[in-house]
Amino acid sequence: MAEDAGGGTGGSGLMKRTAGLPMWGWVALAGAAGIVALMWYQRGKAGAAAAAPTLAVDTSSGPNDQNAALLAQIRDLQGANSTATTTPTTYTNNAEWAKAALAWYVKPENKPKFGAQKMYYALQSWMNGGAIWSDEWNEIGRMLAGVGAPPEPVKNGPINYVK
């Protein structure tokens, strides 16, 4: 098609050329792309449904052998119940408690994150209302879980979350 005197492309409506194709060509390309995208989406949806198998479980008669087998496997994975008991130790003051907490903390089986000296200062700061860092507070929390709470109230200073 020849260009008109104004420098534009010839045709009007669906016959007008845009970027080398008539408008009806662009409409046809967009429709084809939409059909391809729809088919791709439906294929992916069907593939996801096929990838997740469904298990037929008969629950009409209540618990069955399959449930019992699953429970047995779970018990095997968890191991036997622990029969060990710990006797709680009572401390007369916070200094005794801090000493016992540090002794518990530095044992290799408790996987200490910091050395005894750093945690000693963190404990002293915490018990006397001073500021401690959040990672020190996490370790003090482990001590509280392992040894129990101190016998006397502590002042609980602020916890700094940024170092």
N, C-alpha and C. Protein backbone atom coordinates (compact mmCIF):
# COMPACT_ATOMS: atom_id res chain seq x y z
N MET A 1 0.83 -1.16 0.00
CA MET A 1 0.00 0.00 0.00
C MET A 1 0.88 1.24 0.00
N ALA A 2 0.51 2.23 -0.72
CA ALA A 2 1.32 3.43 -0.84
C ALA A 2 1.00 4.40 0.27
N GLU A 3 2.02 5.18 0.67
CA GLU A 3 1.81 6.17 1.72
C GLU A 3 1.07 7.36 1.13
N ASP A 4 0.23 8.00 1.93
CA ASP A 4 -0.46 9.18 1.43
C ASP A 4 0.44 10.40 1.57
N ALA A 5 0.00 11.53 1.12
CA ALA A 5 0.81 12.74 1.08
C ALA A 5 1.17 13.24 2.46
N GLY A 6 0.40 12.92 3.48
CA GLY A 6 0.66 13.39 4.83
C GLY A 6 1.73 12.60 5.55
N GLY A 7 2.29 11.56 4.98
CA GLY A 7 3.34 10.77 5.61
C GLY A 7 2.80 9.62 6.42
N GLY A 8 1.48 9.46 6.57
CA GLY A 8 0.90 8.35 7.33
C GLY A 8 0.78 7.12 6.48
N THR A 9 0.26 6.06 7.03
CA THR A 9 0.08 4.84 6.28
C THR A 9 -1.34 4.80 5.76
N GLY A 10 -1.53 4.05 4.73
CA GLY A 10 -2.84 4.00 4.10
C GLY A 10 -3.80 3.11 4.84
N GLY A 11 -5.07 3.22 4.56
CA GLY A 11 -6.10 2.37 5.13
C GLY A 11 -6.74 3.00 6.34
N SER A 12 -7.86 2.42 6.70
CA SER A 12 -8.56 2.91 7.88
C SER A 12 -9.15 1.71 8.61
N GLY A 13 -9.45 1.89 9.90
CA GLY A 13 -10.03 0.81 10.69
C GLY A 13 -9.08 -0.36 10.84
N LEU A 14 -9.55 -1.58 10.52
CA LEU A 14 -8.72 -2.77 10.66
C LEU A 14 -7.68 -2.89 9.56
N MET A 15 -7.79 -2.11 8.51
CA MET A 15 -6.81 -2.18 7.42
C MET A 15 -5.64 -1.23 7.63
N LYS A 16 -5.70 -0.33 8.63
CA LYS A 16 -4.63 0.62 8.87
C LYS A 16 -3.40 -0.12 9.38
N ARG A 17 -2.26 0.16 8.78
CA ARG A 17 -1.02 -0.52 9.15
C ARG A 17 -0.40 0.13 10.39
N THR A 18 0.03 -0.75 11.32
CA THR A 18 0.73 -0.31 12.53
C THR A 18 1.92 -1.24 12.71
N ALA A 19 3.11 -0.67 12.76
CA ALA A 19 4.35 -1.44 12.93
C ALA A 19 4.46 -2.54 11.88
N GLY A 20 4.08 -2.26 10.66
CA GLY A 20 4.27 -3.19 9.55
C GLY A 20 3.15 -4.17 9.32
N LEU A 21 2.17 -4.26 10.20
CA LEU A 21 1.05 -5.18 10.02
C LEU A 21 -0.26 -4.41 10.07
N PRO A 22 -1.25 -4.89 9.33
CA PRO A 22 -2.56 -4.25 9.47
C PRO A 22 -3.13 -4.56 10.86
N MET A 23 -4.03 -3.75 11.33
CA MET A 23 -4.59 -3.90 12.67
C MET A 23 -5.22 -5.27 12.86
N TRP A 24 -5.87 -5.84 11.84
CA TRP A 24 -6.47 -7.17 11.98
C TRP A 24 -5.40 -8.23 12.24
N GLY A 25 -4.17 -8.03 11.75
CA GLY A 25 -3.07 -8.96 12.00
C GLY A 25 -2.65 -8.95 13.47
N TRP A 26 -2.61 -7.74 14.06
CA TRP A 26 -2.27 -7.63 15.47
C TRP A 26 -3.35 -8.25 16.36
N VAL A 27 -4.62 -8.08 15.96
CA VAL A 27 -5.72 -8.68 16.71
C VAL A 27 -5.62 -10.20 16.66
N ALA A 28 -5.30 -10.74 15.47
CA ALA A 28 -5.17 -12.19 15.32
C ALA A 28 -4.00 -12.71 16.16
N LEU A 29 -2.86 -11.99 16.17
CA LEU A 29 -1.70 -12.41 16.99
C LEU A 29 -2.04 -12.39 18.48
N ALA A 30 -2.74 -11.36 18.93
CA ALA A 30 -3.10 -11.28 20.34
C ALA A 30 -4.05 -12.42 20.71
N GLY A 31 -4.99 -12.74 19.84
CA GLY A 31 -5.91 -13.85 20.11
C GLY A 31 -5.17 -15.18 20.18
N ALA A 32 -4.23 -15.39 19.24
CA ALA A 32 -3.46 -16.64 19.25
C ALA A 32 -2.61 -16.74 20.52
N ALA A 33 -2.03 -15.61 20.93
CA ALA A 33 -1.22 -15.63 22.16
C ALA A 33 -2.11 -15.93 23.36
N GLY A 34 -3.32 -15.41 23.38
CA GLY A 34 -4.24 -15.70 24.48
C GLY A 34 -4.62 -17.17 24.54
N ILE A 35 -4.85 -17.77 23.36
CA ILE A 35 -5.21 -19.20 23.31
C ILE A 35 -4.04 -20.05 23.80
N VAL A 36 -2.82 -19.71 23.37
CA VAL A 36 -1.63 -20.45 23.80
C VAL A 36 -1.44 -20.32 25.31
N ALA A 37 -1.62 -19.11 25.86
CA ALA A 37 -1.47 -18.90 27.29
C ALA A 37 -2.52 -19.69 28.08
N LEU A 38 -3.76 -19.73 27.59
CA LEU A 38 -4.81 -20.50 28.24
C LEU A 38 -4.50 -22.00 28.24
N MET A 39 -4.02 -22.50 27.10
CA MET A 39 -3.66 -23.92 27.01
C MET A 39 -2.50 -24.25 27.94
N TRP A 40 -1.52 -23.36 28.02
CA TRP A 40 -0.36 -23.56 28.89
C TRP A 40 -0.80 -23.59 30.35
N TYR A 41 -1.70 -22.67 30.74
CA TYR A 41 -2.20 -22.62 32.10
C TYR A 41 -2.97 -23.89 32.45
N GLN A 42 -3.83 -24.34 31.56
CA GLN A 42 -4.62 -25.54 31.83
C GLN A 42 -3.74 -26.78 31.90
N ARG A 43 -2.72 -26.85 31.06
CA ARG A 43 -1.80 -27.99 31.11
C ARG A 43 -1.03 -28.00 32.42
N GLY A 44 -0.58 -26.83 32.88
CA GLY A 44 0.13 -26.75 34.16
C GLY A 44 -0.77 -27.11 35.32
N LYS A 45 -2.02 -26.70 35.27
CA LYS A 45 -2.98 -27.02 36.31
C LYS A 45 -3.26 -28.53 36.35
N ALA A 46 -3.41 -29.14 35.18
CA ALA A 46 -3.64 -30.58 35.11
C ALA A 46 -2.41 -31.35 35.58
N GLY A 47 -1.21 -30.85 35.26
CA GLY A 47 0.03 -31.51 35.69
C GLY A 47 0.20 -31.46 37.19
N ALA A 48 -0.18 -30.34 37.80
CA ALA A 48 -0.07 -30.22 39.26
C ALA A 48 -1.04 -31.18 39.94
N ALA A 49 -2.21 -31.32 39.37
CA ALA A 49 -3.19 -32.25 39.96
C ALA A 49 -2.72 -33.69 39.82
N ALA A 50 -2.06 -34.01 38.71
CA ALA A 50 -1.57 -35.37 38.51
C ALA A 50 -0.36 -35.66 39.39
N ALA A 51 0.42 -34.62 39.72
CA ALA A 51 1.62 -34.81 40.52
C ALA A 51 1.29 -35.10 41.97
N ALA A 52 0.13 -34.69 42.44
CA ALA A 52 -0.26 -34.92 43.83
C ALA A 52 -1.22 -36.09 43.89
N PRO A 53 -0.71 -37.30 44.14
CA PRO A 53 -1.60 -38.45 44.17
C PRO A 53 -2.53 -38.40 45.37
N THR A 54 -3.69 -38.93 45.19
CA THR A 54 -4.63 -38.99 46.30
C THR A 54 -4.62 -40.40 46.86
N LEU A 55 -4.67 -40.49 48.16
CA LEU A 55 -4.68 -41.78 48.82
C LEU A 55 -6.10 -42.10 49.22
N ALA A 56 -6.53 -43.28 48.85
CA ALA A 56 -7.88 -43.71 49.23
C ALA A 56 -7.81 -44.29 50.63
N VAL A 57 -8.46 -43.63 51.57
CA VAL A 57 -8.48 -44.10 52.95
C VAL A 57 -9.92 -44.37 53.33
N ASP A 58 -10.15 -45.56 53.79
CA ASP A 58 -11.50 -45.93 54.19
C ASP A 58 -11.68 -45.55 55.66
N THR A 59 -12.45 -44.50 55.90
CA THR A 59 -12.71 -44.06 57.27
C THR A 59 -14.14 -44.34 57.69
N SER A 60 -14.85 -45.11 56.91
CA SER A 60 -16.26 -45.35 57.21
C SER A 60 -16.44 -46.17 58.48
N SER A 61 -15.47 -47.01 58.81
CA SER A 61 -15.63 -47.86 59.98
C SER A 61 -14.75 -47.42 61.13
N GLY A 62 -14.29 -46.16 61.14
CA GLY A 62 -13.46 -45.65 62.22
C GLY A 62 -11.99 -45.99 61.97
N PRO A 63 -11.20 -46.08 63.04
CA PRO A 63 -9.78 -46.37 62.89
C PRO A 63 -9.56 -47.72 62.21
N ASN A 64 -8.52 -47.77 61.40
CA ASN A 64 -8.25 -49.01 60.69
C ASN A 64 -6.78 -49.40 60.83
N ASP A 65 -6.39 -50.45 60.15
CA ASP A 65 -5.02 -50.94 60.25
C ASP A 65 -4.01 -49.94 59.73
N GLN A 66 -4.41 -49.13 58.74
CA GLN A 66 -3.49 -48.13 58.20
C GLN A 66 -3.14 -47.09 59.26
N ASN A 67 -4.14 -46.65 60.02
CA ASN A 67 -3.88 -45.69 61.09
C ASN A 67 -2.98 -46.30 62.15
N ALA A 68 -3.22 -47.54 62.51
CA ALA A 68 -2.40 -48.21 63.52
C ALA A 68 -0.95 -48.34 63.03
N ALA A 69 -0.78 -48.63 61.74
CA ALA A 69 0.57 -48.75 61.20
C ALA A 69 1.29 -47.41 61.22
N LEU A 70 0.57 -46.34 60.89
CA LEU A 70 1.18 -45.01 60.92
C LEU A 70 1.57 -44.63 62.34
N LEU A 71 0.71 -44.90 63.29
CA LEU A 71 1.03 -44.60 64.68
C LEU A 71 2.24 -45.38 65.17
N ALA A 72 2.35 -46.63 64.76
CA ALA A 72 3.51 -47.45 65.14
C ALA A 72 4.79 -46.87 64.56
N GLN A 73 4.74 -46.41 63.32
CA GLN A 73 5.92 -45.80 62.70
C GLN A 73 6.31 -44.52 63.41
N ILE A 74 5.33 -43.73 63.79
CA ILE A 74 5.62 -42.49 64.51
C ILE A 74 6.27 -42.80 65.86
N ARG A 75 5.74 -43.80 66.57
CA ARG A 75 6.34 -44.18 67.85
C ARG A 75 7.78 -44.67 67.67
N ASP A 76 8.05 -45.41 66.59
CA ASP A 76 9.41 -45.88 66.32
C ASP A 76 10.35 -44.72 66.07
N LEU A 77 9.88 -43.72 65.34
CA LEU A 77 10.72 -42.56 65.04
C LEU A 77 11.00 -41.73 66.29
N GLN A 78 10.02 -41.60 67.16
CA GLN A 78 10.19 -40.79 68.35
C GLN A 78 11.05 -41.48 69.41
N GLY A 79 11.11 -42.76 69.40
CA GLY A 79 11.89 -43.48 70.40
C GLY A 79 11.10 -43.70 71.68
N ALA A 80 11.75 -44.35 72.63
CA ALA A 80 11.09 -44.70 73.88
C ALA A 80 10.92 -43.47 74.75
N ASN A 81 9.92 -43.51 75.63
CA ASN A 81 9.71 -42.42 76.57
C ASN A 81 10.87 -42.36 77.54
N SER A 82 11.26 -41.15 77.88
CA SER A 82 12.35 -40.96 78.83
C SER A 82 11.84 -41.21 80.24
N THR A 83 12.62 -41.98 80.99
CA THR A 83 12.25 -42.24 82.38
C THR A 83 13.15 -41.48 83.33
N ALA A 84 14.09 -40.71 82.79
CA ALA A 84 15.01 -39.96 83.64
C ALA A 84 14.27 -38.78 84.27
N THR A 85 14.51 -38.58 85.54
CA THR A 85 13.92 -37.45 86.24
C THR A 85 15.04 -36.61 86.82
N THR A 86 14.80 -35.33 86.86
CA THR A 86 15.80 -34.45 87.45
C THR A 86 15.22 -33.91 88.75
N THR A 87 16.06 -33.88 89.74
CA THR A 87 15.60 -33.34 91.00
C THR A 87 15.94 -31.85 91.01
N PRO A 88 14.97 -31.00 91.26
CA PRO A 88 15.25 -29.57 91.26
C PRO A 88 16.17 -29.19 92.41
N THR A 89 17.12 -28.34 92.09
CA THR A 89 18.05 -27.87 93.10
C THR A 89 17.59 -26.50 93.57
N THR A 90 17.64 -26.29 94.85
CA THR A 90 17.25 -24.99 95.37
C THR A 90 18.52 -24.23 95.73
N TYR A 91 18.48 -22.95 95.44
CA TYR A 91 19.63 -22.07 95.71
C TYR A 91 19.19 -21.04 96.72
N THR A 92 20.10 -20.67 97.60
CA THR A 92 19.74 -19.72 98.65
C THR A 92 19.80 -18.27 98.18
N ASN A 93 20.62 -18.00 97.17
CA ASN A 93 20.70 -16.62 96.67
C ASN A 93 21.04 -16.63 95.18
N ASN A 94 20.99 -15.48 94.59
CA ASN A 94 21.24 -15.37 93.15
C ASN A 94 22.69 -15.66 92.78
N ALA A 95 23.63 -15.39 93.68
CA ALA A 95 25.03 -15.68 93.39
C ALA A 95 25.25 -17.18 93.21
N GLU A 96 24.64 -17.99 94.10
CA GLU A 96 24.72 -19.45 93.95
C GLU A 96 24.07 -19.89 92.65
N TRP A 97 22.91 -19.31 92.36
CA TRP A 97 22.21 -19.67 91.13
C TRP A 97 23.05 -19.33 89.91
N ALA A 98 23.67 -18.14 89.88
CA ALA A 98 24.49 -17.72 88.74
C ALA A 98 25.67 -18.67 88.55
N LYS A 99 26.28 -19.10 89.65
CA LYS A 99 27.40 -20.03 89.57
C LYS A 99 26.94 -21.36 88.97
N ALA A 100 25.79 -21.86 89.42
CA ALA A 100 25.25 -23.12 88.89
C ALA A 100 24.82 -22.96 87.43
N ALA A 101 24.25 -21.82 87.10
CA ALA A 101 23.82 -21.59 85.72
C ALA A 101 25.01 -21.55 84.78
N LEU A 102 26.09 -20.91 85.18
CA LEU A 102 27.30 -20.88 84.35
C LEU A 102 27.91 -22.26 84.23
N ALA A 103 27.93 -23.01 85.32
CA ALA A 103 28.47 -24.37 85.27
C ALA A 103 27.65 -25.23 84.30
N TRP A 104 26.33 -25.06 84.32
CA TRP A 104 25.48 -25.79 83.38
C TRP A 104 25.74 -25.34 81.96
N TYR A 105 25.88 -24.02 81.77
CA TYR A 105 26.01 -23.44 80.43
C TYR A 105 27.28 -23.90 79.71
N VAL A 106 28.40 -23.99 80.40
CA VAL A 106 29.68 -24.28 79.73
C VAL A 106 29.89 -25.76 79.43
N LYS A 107 28.98 -26.61 79.84
CA LYS A 107 29.12 -28.03 79.51
C LYS A 107 29.03 -28.19 78.00
N PRO A 108 29.91 -29.00 77.39
CA PRO A 108 29.89 -29.16 75.93
C PRO A 108 28.55 -29.66 75.38
N GLU A 109 27.85 -30.50 76.13
CA GLU A 109 26.58 -31.01 75.62
C GLU A 109 25.50 -29.92 75.53
N ASN A 110 25.71 -28.79 76.21
CA ASN A 110 24.75 -27.68 76.14
C ASN A 110 25.09 -26.70 75.02
N LYS A 111 26.17 -26.97 74.30
CA LYS A 111 26.60 -26.17 73.14
C LYS A 111 26.60 -24.67 73.43
N PRO A 112 27.48 -24.22 74.31
CA PRO A 112 27.51 -22.79 74.63
C PRO A 112 27.92 -21.96 73.42
N LYS A 113 27.27 -20.82 73.26
CA LYS A 113 27.57 -19.92 72.15
C LYS A 113 28.69 -18.96 72.54
N PHE A 114 28.77 -18.61 73.82
CA PHE A 114 29.77 -17.67 74.30
C PHE A 114 30.60 -18.31 75.40
N GLY A 115 31.70 -17.67 75.74
CA GLY A 115 32.55 -18.13 76.82
C GLY A 115 31.93 -17.81 78.18
N ALA A 116 32.49 -18.45 79.21
CA ALA A 116 31.96 -18.30 80.56
C ALA A 116 32.09 -16.86 81.05
N GLN A 117 33.20 -16.20 80.73
CA GLN A 117 33.42 -14.84 81.22
C GLN A 117 32.39 -13.87 80.65
N LYS A 118 32.12 -13.97 79.35
CA LYS A 118 31.13 -13.08 78.72
C LYS A 118 29.75 -13.32 79.33
N MET A 119 29.39 -14.58 79.54
CA MET A 119 28.07 -14.87 80.09
C MET A 119 27.99 -14.52 81.57
N TYR A 120 29.12 -14.57 82.28
CA TYR A 120 29.13 -14.12 83.67
C TYR A 120 28.74 -12.65 83.74
N TYR A 121 29.39 -11.83 82.90
CA TYR A 121 29.08 -10.40 82.89
C TYR A 121 27.65 -10.13 82.41
N ALA A 122 27.18 -10.91 81.45
CA ALA A 122 25.81 -10.75 80.97
C ALA A 122 24.82 -11.10 82.08
N LEU A 123 25.07 -12.18 82.82
CA LEU A 123 24.20 -12.55 83.93
C LEU A 123 24.18 -11.47 85.01
N GLN A 124 25.37 -10.98 85.37
CA GLN A 124 25.44 -9.94 86.40
C GLN A 124 24.68 -8.69 85.96
N SER A 125 24.86 -8.31 84.71
CA SER A 125 24.18 -7.13 84.18
C SER A 125 22.66 -7.34 84.20
N TRP A 126 22.21 -8.51 83.75
CA TRP A 126 20.78 -8.82 83.71
C TRP A 126 20.16 -8.81 85.10
N MET A 127 20.84 -9.45 86.06
CA MET A 127 20.28 -9.55 87.41
C MET A 127 20.28 -8.20 88.13
N ASN A 128 21.15 -7.28 87.73
CA ASN A 128 21.24 -5.99 88.42
C ASN A 128 20.60 -4.85 87.63
N GLY A 129 19.84 -5.16 86.59
CA GLY A 129 19.11 -4.13 85.86
C GLY A 129 19.88 -3.45 84.75
N GLY A 130 21.04 -3.99 84.40
CA GLY A 130 21.82 -3.41 83.31
C GLY A 130 21.35 -3.92 81.95
N ALA A 131 21.82 -3.26 80.91
CA ALA A 131 21.43 -3.64 79.54
C ALA A 131 22.24 -4.86 79.10
N ILE A 132 21.58 -5.73 78.33
CA ILE A 132 22.25 -6.87 77.72
C ILE A 132 21.84 -6.93 76.26
N TRP A 133 22.60 -7.66 75.47
CA TRP A 133 22.28 -7.82 74.06
C TRP A 133 21.28 -8.95 73.87
N SER A 134 20.56 -8.93 72.78
CA SER A 134 19.52 -9.94 72.55
C SER A 134 20.11 -11.35 72.46
N ASP A 135 21.30 -11.50 71.87
CA ASP A 135 21.87 -12.84 71.80
C ASP A 135 22.30 -13.34 73.19
N GLU A 136 22.70 -12.41 74.06
CA GLU A 136 22.99 -12.80 75.44
C GLU A 136 21.70 -13.20 76.17
N TRP A 137 20.61 -12.48 75.89
CA TRP A 137 19.33 -12.82 76.50
C TRP A 137 18.88 -14.22 76.07
N ASN A 138 19.12 -14.56 74.80
CA ASN A 138 18.78 -15.90 74.32
C ASN A 138 19.53 -16.96 75.11
N GLU A 139 20.80 -16.71 75.38
CA GLU A 139 21.60 -17.68 76.13
C GLU A 139 21.16 -17.73 77.60
N ILE A 140 20.80 -16.60 78.17
CA ILE A 140 20.27 -16.60 79.55
C ILE A 140 18.96 -17.38 79.60
N GLY A 141 18.16 -17.26 78.55
CA GLY A 141 16.92 -18.04 78.48
C GLY A 141 17.20 -19.53 78.48
N ARG A 142 18.27 -19.94 77.80
CA ARG A 142 18.65 -21.36 77.83
C ARG A 142 19.06 -21.78 79.23
N MET A 143 19.78 -20.88 79.94
CA MET A 143 20.18 -21.19 81.31
C MET A 143 18.95 -21.32 82.21
N LEU A 144 17.98 -20.43 82.02
CA LEU A 144 16.76 -20.50 82.82
C LEU A 144 16.03 -21.82 82.58
N ALA A 145 16.03 -22.28 81.34
CA ALA A 145 15.38 -23.55 81.02
C ALA A 145 16.16 -24.72 81.60
N GLY A 146 17.49 -24.60 81.62
CA GLY A 146 18.32 -25.71 82.08
C GLY A 146 18.44 -25.81 83.58
N VAL A 147 18.48 -24.68 84.28
CA VAL A 147 18.74 -24.68 85.72
C VAL A 147 17.51 -24.25 86.51
N GLY A 148 16.65 -23.50 85.90
CA GLY A 148 15.50 -22.96 86.61
C GLY A 148 15.71 -21.49 86.90
N ALA A 149 14.73 -20.87 87.51
CA ALA A 149 14.79 -19.44 87.79
C ALA A 149 15.62 -19.16 89.03
N PRO A 150 16.21 -17.98 89.10
CA PRO A 150 16.95 -17.62 90.32
C PRO A 150 16.00 -17.46 91.50
N PRO A 151 16.50 -17.67 92.72
CA PRO A 151 15.60 -17.64 93.88
C PRO A 151 15.13 -16.23 94.25
N GLU A 152 15.89 -15.22 93.91
CA GLU A 152 15.53 -13.85 94.25
C GLU A 152 15.11 -13.10 93.00
N PRO A 153 14.25 -12.10 93.14
CA PRO A 153 13.84 -11.34 91.95
C PRO A 153 15.04 -10.63 91.31
N VAL A 154 14.99 -10.52 90.00
CA VAL A 154 16.03 -9.79 89.27
C VAL A 154 15.41 -8.50 88.73
N LYS A 155 16.27 -7.55 88.39
CA LYS A 155 15.77 -6.24 87.97
C LYS A 155 15.43 -6.14 86.49
N ASN A 156 15.86 -7.12 85.70
CA ASN A 156 15.53 -7.15 84.26
C ASN A 156 15.79 -5.83 83.55
N GLY A 157 17.02 -5.60 83.21
CA GLY A 157 17.37 -4.39 82.47
C GLY A 157 16.92 -4.45 81.04
N PRO A 158 17.17 -3.40 80.29
CA PRO A 158 16.74 -3.37 78.88
C PRO A 158 17.53 -4.35 78.03
N ILE A 159 16.89 -4.82 76.97
CA ILE A 159 17.54 -5.74 76.03
C ILE A 159 17.80 -4.97 74.76
N ASN A 160 19.06 -4.92 74.32
CA ASN A 160 19.43 -4.23 73.08
C ASN A 160 19.35 -5.22 71.93
N TYR A 161 18.64 -4.85 70.86
CA TYR A 161 18.46 -5.75 69.74
C TYR A 161 19.41 -5.46 68.59
N VAL A 162 20.14 -4.39 68.64
CA VAL A 162 21.06 -4.05 67.55
C VAL A 162 22.44 -3.91 68.14
N LYS A 163 23.41 -4.52 67.48
CA LYS A 163 24.79 -4.45 67.98
C LYS A 163 25.60 -3.59 67.07
